[in-house]
């Protein structure tokens, strides 16, 4: 690397001490937004009484916990706390696992209405949309975690280099 490239790298890393990790934080917030789209898509389209079960209650509690945890991840990763980025990994993976929950179950289910007609609980378009929302949310969380971990390690390494380069005050 040339001296100029080393200087630019040093400046970029040094700026991290004074700037927030906005990219990682914003990706986590975007994950919350797409989770809300999923939430609205599922619960706004009830057919008959299909969704009125104990699983619905558990799903609502999970969504509330998800939004709380991911908001804390966004705020923690903004300040370069690496632990929050590690929390985002399993939460992001769970977004993909959730596809096996309501989207899959509702897509394959049919329900008999009061007029004896049998209808699908979730059509193909809604199924595709809900799966897409969960996938985008999960990808955003995993990217947030990867970027957060990378930037935290980069900043920690830079701070160690600065500490090693600074003159030690001798106690006289």
Protein backbone atom coordinates (compact mmCIF):
# COMPACT_ATOMS: atom_id res chain seq x y z
CA UNK A 1 0.00 0.00 0.00
CA UNK A 2 1.20 3.46 -0.76
CA UNK A 3 1.61 6.08 1.93
CA UNK A 4 -1.44 7.91 0.63
CA UNK A 5 -3.62 4.76 0.80
CA UNK A 6 -2.43 4.06 4.35
CA UNK A 7 -3.23 7.63 5.31
CA UNK A 8 -6.74 7.37 3.87
CA UNK A 9 -7.33 4.09 5.69
CA UNK A 10 -6.13 5.64 8.95
CA UNK A 11 -8.43 8.65 8.48
CA UNK A 12 -11.40 6.42 7.62
CA UNK A 13 -10.83 4.28 10.70
CA UNK A 14 -10.20 7.31 12.92
CA UNK A 15 -13.49 8.91 11.84
CA UNK A 16 -15.29 5.85 13.19
CA UNK A 17 -14.48 7.09 16.70
CA UNK A 18 -16.68 10.14 16.14
CA UNK A 19 -19.41 8.89 13.80
CA UNK A 20 -22.25 6.48 14.48
CA UNK A 21 -22.56 3.16 12.68
CA UNK A 22 -25.57 4.36 10.69
CA UNK A 23 -25.58 1.63 8.05
CA UNK A 24 -25.87 -1.23 10.53
CA UNK A 25 -28.46 0.65 12.55
CA UNK A 26 -30.55 1.59 9.51
CA UNK A 27 -30.56 -1.99 8.24
CA UNK A 28 -31.95 -3.14 11.59
CA UNK A 29 -34.68 -0.48 11.42
CA UNK A 30 -35.53 -1.60 7.87
CA UNK A 31 -35.86 -5.16 9.23
CA UNK A 32 -38.46 -3.85 11.71
CA UNK A 33 -40.35 -2.10 8.90
CA UNK A 34 -40.56 -5.26 6.80
CA UNK A 35 -41.60 -7.26 9.86
CA UNK A 36 -44.44 -4.75 10.32
CA UNK A 37 -45.43 -5.23 6.67
CA UNK A 38 -45.56 -8.98 7.35
CA UNK A 39 -47.57 -8.41 10.52
CA UNK A 40 -50.11 -6.21 8.73
CA UNK A 41 -50.36 -8.55 5.75
CA UNK A 42 -51.07 -11.58 7.91
CA UNK A 43 -53.40 -10.09 10.48
CA UNK A 44 -55.25 -7.76 8.13
CA UNK A 45 -56.57 -10.58 5.99
CA UNK A 46 -58.33 -12.95 8.35
CA UNK A 47 -60.63 -15.42 6.58
CA UNK A 48 -63.29 -16.82 8.87
CA UNK A 49 -61.74 -17.49 12.27
CA UNK A 50 -58.55 -19.13 11.03
CA UNK A 51 -56.13 -16.85 12.88
CA UNK A 52 -58.00 -16.76 16.20
CA UNK A 53 -55.91 -19.38 17.98
CA UNK A 54 -53.28 -19.66 20.65
CA UNK A 55 -50.68 -19.53 17.87
CA UNK A 56 -51.93 -16.02 17.03
CA UNK A 57 -51.31 -14.88 20.60
CA UNK A 58 -47.82 -16.35 20.55
CA UNK A 59 -47.17 -14.71 17.18
CA UNK A 60 -48.24 -11.29 18.47
CA UNK A 61 -46.00 -11.64 21.53
CA UNK A 62 -43.12 -12.72 19.28
CA UNK A 63 -43.65 -9.70 17.00
CA UNK A 64 -43.57 -7.34 19.98
CA UNK A 65 -40.39 -8.96 21.32
CA UNK A 66 -38.87 -8.93 17.84
CA UNK A 67 -39.47 -5.21 17.44
CA UNK A 68 -38.08 -4.46 20.92
CA UNK A 69 -34.97 -6.59 20.47
CA UNK A 70 -34.23 -5.33 16.96
CA UNK A 71 -34.69 -1.71 18.07
CA UNK A 72 -32.17 -2.34 20.85
CA UNK A 73 -29.87 -3.97 18.29
CA UNK A 74 -30.17 -0.88 16.08
CA UNK A 75 -29.32 1.46 18.93
CA UNK A 76 -26.50 -0.72 20.25
CA UNK A 77 -24.88 -1.30 16.88
CA UNK A 78 -25.06 2.43 16.18
CA UNK A 79 -22.62 2.90 19.07
CA UNK A 80 -20.31 0.07 17.94
CA UNK A 81 -21.30 -2.40 20.70
CA UNK A 82 -20.42 -5.73 19.14
CA UNK A 83 -22.69 -7.77 21.43
CA UNK A 84 -25.78 -6.30 19.83
CA UNK A 85 -24.57 -7.35 16.41
CA UNK A 86 -24.19 -10.93 17.65
CA UNK A 87 -27.79 -10.81 18.93
CA UNK A 88 -28.99 -9.85 15.44
CA UNK A 89 -27.72 -13.13 13.93
CA UNK A 90 -30.15 -15.60 15.60
CA UNK A 91 -33.01 -13.09 15.34
CA UNK A 92 -32.31 -12.76 11.60
CA UNK A 93 -32.24 -16.53 11.19
CA UNK A 94 -35.57 -16.79 13.05
CA UNK A 95 -37.15 -14.57 10.39
CA UNK A 96 -36.45 -17.31 7.84
CA UNK A 97 -37.74 -20.02 10.19
CA UNK A 98 -40.99 -18.05 10.63
CA UNK A 99 -41.82 -18.81 6.99
CA UNK A 100 -42.65 -22.32 8.21
CA UNK A 101 -45.24 -20.81 10.59
CA UNK A 102 -48.24 -18.82 9.52
CA UNK A 103 -47.33 -18.26 5.88
CA UNK A 104 -46.90 -21.96 5.13
CA UNK A 105 -49.78 -23.13 7.31
CA UNK A 106 -52.23 -20.52 6.03
CA UNK A 107 -51.19 -21.07 2.41
CA UNK A 108 -52.04 -24.76 2.54
CA UNK A 109 -55.22 -24.37 4.64
CA UNK A 110 -58.79 -24.04 3.49
CA UNK A 111 -61.75 -22.95 5.55
CA UNK A 112 -65.50 -23.47 5.21
CA UNK A 113 -67.47 -20.25 5.47
CA UNK A 114 -71.03 -19.78 6.74
CA UNK A 115 -72.46 -20.11 3.22
CA UNK A 116 -70.75 -23.54 2.90
CA UNK A 117 -68.18 -22.24 0.43
CA UNK A 118 -64.62 -23.46 0.87
CA UNK A 119 -61.91 -20.85 0.40
CA UNK A 120 -58.13 -20.74 0.76
CA UNK A 121 -56.97 -18.87 3.83
CA UNK A 122 -54.02 -17.36 1.97
CA UNK A 123 -53.66 -17.02 -1.77
CA UNK A 124 -50.46 -17.31 -3.76
CA UNK A 125 -49.90 -13.55 -4.01
CA UNK A 126 -50.22 -13.01 -0.26
CA UNK A 127 -48.04 -16.03 0.46
CA UNK A 128 -45.32 -14.71 -1.86
CA UNK A 129 -45.59 -11.24 -0.32
CA UNK A 130 -45.35 -12.47 3.29
CA UNK A 131 -42.41 -14.75 2.50
CA UNK A 132 -40.70 -11.85 0.75
CA UNK A 133 -41.25 -9.56 3.76
CA UNK A 134 -39.75 -12.13 6.13
CA UNK A 135 -36.80 -12.80 3.82
CA UNK A 136 -36.01 -9.10 3.39
CA UNK A 137 -36.28 -8.59 7.14
CA UNK A 138 -33.96 -11.54 7.82
CA UNK A 139 -31.43 -10.45 5.20
CA UNK A 140 -31.38 -6.90 6.58
CA UNK A 141 -30.73 -8.23 10.08
CA UNK A 142 -27.95 -10.55 8.94
CA UNK A 143 -26.33 -7.73 6.94
CA UNK A 144 -26.69 -5.43 9.93
CA UNK A 145 -24.95 -8.01 12.10
CA UNK A 146 -22.13 -8.64 9.61
CA UNK A 147 -21.47 -4.93 9.04
CA UNK A 148 -21.71 -4.21 12.77
CA UNK A 149 -19.25 -6.96 13.68
CA UNK A 150 -16.82 -5.88 10.95
CA UNK A 151 -16.93 -2.22 11.93
CA UNK A 152 -16.65 -2.99 15.65
CA UNK A 153 -13.57 -5.13 15.07
CA UNK A 154 -12.11 -2.47 12.77
CA UNK A 155 -12.62 0.24 15.41
CA UNK A 156 -11.26 -1.94 18.22
CA UNK A 157 -8.16 -2.72 16.17
CA UNK A 158 -7.67 0.98 15.39
CA UNK A 159 -8.03 1.96 19.05
CA UNK A 160 -5.43 -0.65 20.04
CA UNK A 161 -3.04 0.73 17.41
CA UNK A 162 -3.56 4.25 18.74
CA UNK A 163 -3.00 3.11 22.30
CA UNK A 164 0.20 1.29 21.34
CA UNK A 165 1.48 4.33 19.43
CA UNK A 166 0.75 6.85 22.17
CA UNK A 167 3.63 7.74 24.50
CA UNK A 168 3.33 6.30 27.96
CA UNK A 169 3.50 8.76 30.81
CA UNK A 170 6.19 7.69 33.25
CA UNK A 171 5.39 8.08 36.90
CA UNK A 172 8.39 10.00 38.18
